[in-house]
Amino acid sequence: MAKKVLIIDDDEQNRILLRAIMKPLQCDVLEAGNGEQGIRLAKEQKPDLVLMDIQMPVMDGYTAIRLLRNDPETRHITIIAVTSYAMKGDREKALAAGADDYIAKPIDIHEMMVMVKRCLEYDSH
């Protein structure tokens, strides 16, 4: 059964890039344009992994991560914060909000593939 990945990002170009990165992994990809839509989709679809942008309209990624972590239905979902925030302390802030991992934009495609494979427990060989 294919793994489900939910991409939550308000920038369509970022979603296109992330979708392209997921393609070789043969994941079912779901998309949301803001944190509020993302929370709703996560509850409905129960993805294996969420790729969460931090800076979004309607609801930011930090708030969305906290809501997913505080809900018994979604607290088990692995979350990678994908953000243009790459200053000292931003990684810690994302992890403190409840993200399992963090990657800065612009996205290093190889690093992202390794991280996603690890999170989805794919065999790396």
Protein backbone atom coordinates (compact mmCIF):
# COMPACT_ATOMS: atom_id res chain seq x y z
CA MET A 1 0.00 0.00 0.00
CA ALA A 2 1.35 3.43 -0.97
CA LYS A 3 2.37 5.81 1.78
CA LYS A 4 0.35 9.03 2.04
CA VAL A 5 2.18 12.36 2.16
CA LEU A 6 0.37 15.62 2.89
CA ILE A 7 2.08 18.78 1.60
CA ILE A 8 0.90 21.92 3.41
CA ASP A 9 2.31 25.01 1.71
CA ASP A 10 0.71 28.22 0.44
CA ASP A 11 3.18 28.51 -2.47
CA GLU A 12 2.13 26.48 -5.49
CA GLN A 13 5.71 26.29 -6.83
CA ASN A 14 6.86 24.73 -3.58
CA ARG A 15 4.03 22.19 -3.74
CA ILE A 16 5.00 21.33 -7.34
CA LEU A 17 8.63 20.79 -6.29
CA LEU A 18 7.68 18.67 -3.27
CA ARG A 19 5.25 16.64 -5.37
CA ALA A 20 8.04 15.98 -7.89
CA ILE A 21 10.36 14.85 -5.08
CA MET A 22 7.70 12.41 -3.84
CA LYS A 23 7.01 10.93 -7.31
CA PRO A 24 9.88 8.36 -7.35
CA LEU A 25 8.76 7.17 -3.90
CA GLN A 26 5.33 6.35 -5.37
CA CYS A 27 3.51 8.08 -2.53
CA ASP A 28 -0.08 9.23 -2.64
CA VAL A 29 0.32 13.00 -2.40
CA LEU A 30 -2.32 15.26 -0.84
CA GLU A 31 -2.04 19.05 -0.82
CA ALA A 32 -3.32 21.94 1.25
CA GLY A 33 -2.69 25.66 0.76
CA ASN A 34 -2.75 26.67 4.43
CA GLY A 35 -2.58 25.22 7.93
CA GLU A 36 -6.34 25.18 8.45
CA GLN A 37 -6.95 23.13 5.28
CA GLY A 38 -3.99 20.94 6.22
CA ILE A 39 -5.41 20.11 9.66
CA ARG A 40 -8.74 19.17 8.08
CA LEU A 41 -7.07 16.95 5.45
CA ALA A 42 -4.81 15.30 8.04
CA LYS A 43 -7.85 14.35 10.14
CA GLU A 44 -9.75 13.04 7.11
CA GLN A 45 -6.93 11.24 5.29
CA LYS A 46 -4.53 10.18 8.10
CA PRO A 47 -1.31 10.66 6.08
CA ASP A 48 1.92 8.89 7.04
CA LEU A 49 3.90 12.12 6.68
CA VAL A 50 3.19 15.86 6.62
CA LEU A 51 5.55 18.33 4.93
CA MET A 52 4.63 21.56 6.70
CA ASP A 53 5.53 25.06 5.58
CA ILE A 54 5.85 27.44 8.52
CA GLN A 55 4.97 30.85 7.09
CA MET A 56 1.43 30.67 5.66
CA PRO A 57 -1.74 32.74 5.67
CA VAL A 58 -4.83 31.71 7.69
CA MET A 59 -2.85 29.49 10.08
CA ASP A 60 0.94 29.29 10.35
CA GLY A 61 2.84 26.01 10.46
CA TYR A 62 3.79 26.27 14.14
CA THR A 63 0.12 26.50 15.13
CA ALA A 64 -0.85 23.69 12.75
CA ILE A 65 1.92 21.43 14.11
CA ARG A 66 0.80 22.05 17.70
CA LEU A 67 -2.83 21.29 16.80
CA LEU A 68 -1.85 18.03 15.06
CA ARG A 69 0.29 17.02 18.06
CA ASN A 70 -2.46 17.79 20.57
CA ASP A 71 -5.11 15.75 18.74
CA PRO A 72 -5.20 12.01 19.54
CA GLU A 73 -6.30 11.32 15.93
CA THR A 74 -3.23 12.96 14.39
CA ARG A 75 -0.48 13.02 17.04
CA HIS A 76 1.23 9.93 15.54
CA ILE A 77 1.74 11.52 12.09
CA THR A 78 5.37 12.32 11.25
CA ILE A 79 5.88 16.02 10.48
CA ILE A 80 8.78 17.66 8.66
CA ALA A 81 8.88 21.45 8.87
CA VAL A 82 9.85 22.81 5.45
CA THR A 83 10.66 26.47 5.82
CA SER A 84 12.50 29.50 4.54
CA TYR A 85 13.22 30.29 8.18
CA ALA A 86 16.85 29.24 8.40
CA MET A 87 18.17 31.51 11.12
CA LYS A 88 19.77 30.30 14.32
CA GLY A 89 17.04 28.96 16.58
CA ASP A 90 14.44 28.31 13.86
CA ARG A 91 15.13 24.56 13.78
CA GLU A 92 14.73 24.40 17.55
CA LYS A 93 11.50 26.41 17.37
CA ALA A 94 10.03 24.00 14.78
CA LEU A 95 11.07 20.96 16.81
CA ALA A 96 9.71 22.54 20.01
CA ALA A 97 6.35 23.03 18.24
CA GLY A 98 6.30 19.27 17.62
CA ALA A 99 7.94 18.74 14.22
CA ASP A 100 9.94 15.52 13.91
CA ASP A 101 12.48 17.07 11.57
CA TYR A 102 13.28 20.30 9.75
CA ILE A 103 14.60 21.28 6.33
CA ALA A 104 15.32 24.80 5.12
CA LYS A 105 14.36 26.27 1.76
CA PRO A 106 15.69 26.35 -0.86
CA ILE A 107 15.23 22.61 -0.57
CA ASP A 108 18.21 20.34 -1.12
CA ILE A 109 16.47 17.60 -3.13
CA HIS A 110 18.89 14.83 -2.08
CA GLU A 111 18.63 15.78 1.61
CA MET A 112 14.83 15.87 1.32
CA MET A 113 14.69 12.41 -0.31
CA VAL A 114 16.90 10.92 2.42
CA MET A 115 14.78 12.53 5.14
CA VAL A 116 11.46 11.40 3.62
CA LYS A 117 12.71 7.85 3.06
CA ARG A 118 13.88 7.70 6.66
CA CYS A 119 10.56 9.06 7.95
CA LEU A 120 8.54 6.65 5.82
CA GLU A 121 10.88 3.78 6.69
CA TYR A 122 11.75 2.94 3.12
CA ASP A 123 14.61 0.56 2.54
CA SER A 124 17.47 2.82 1.45
CA HIS A 125 19.08 0.20 -0.86
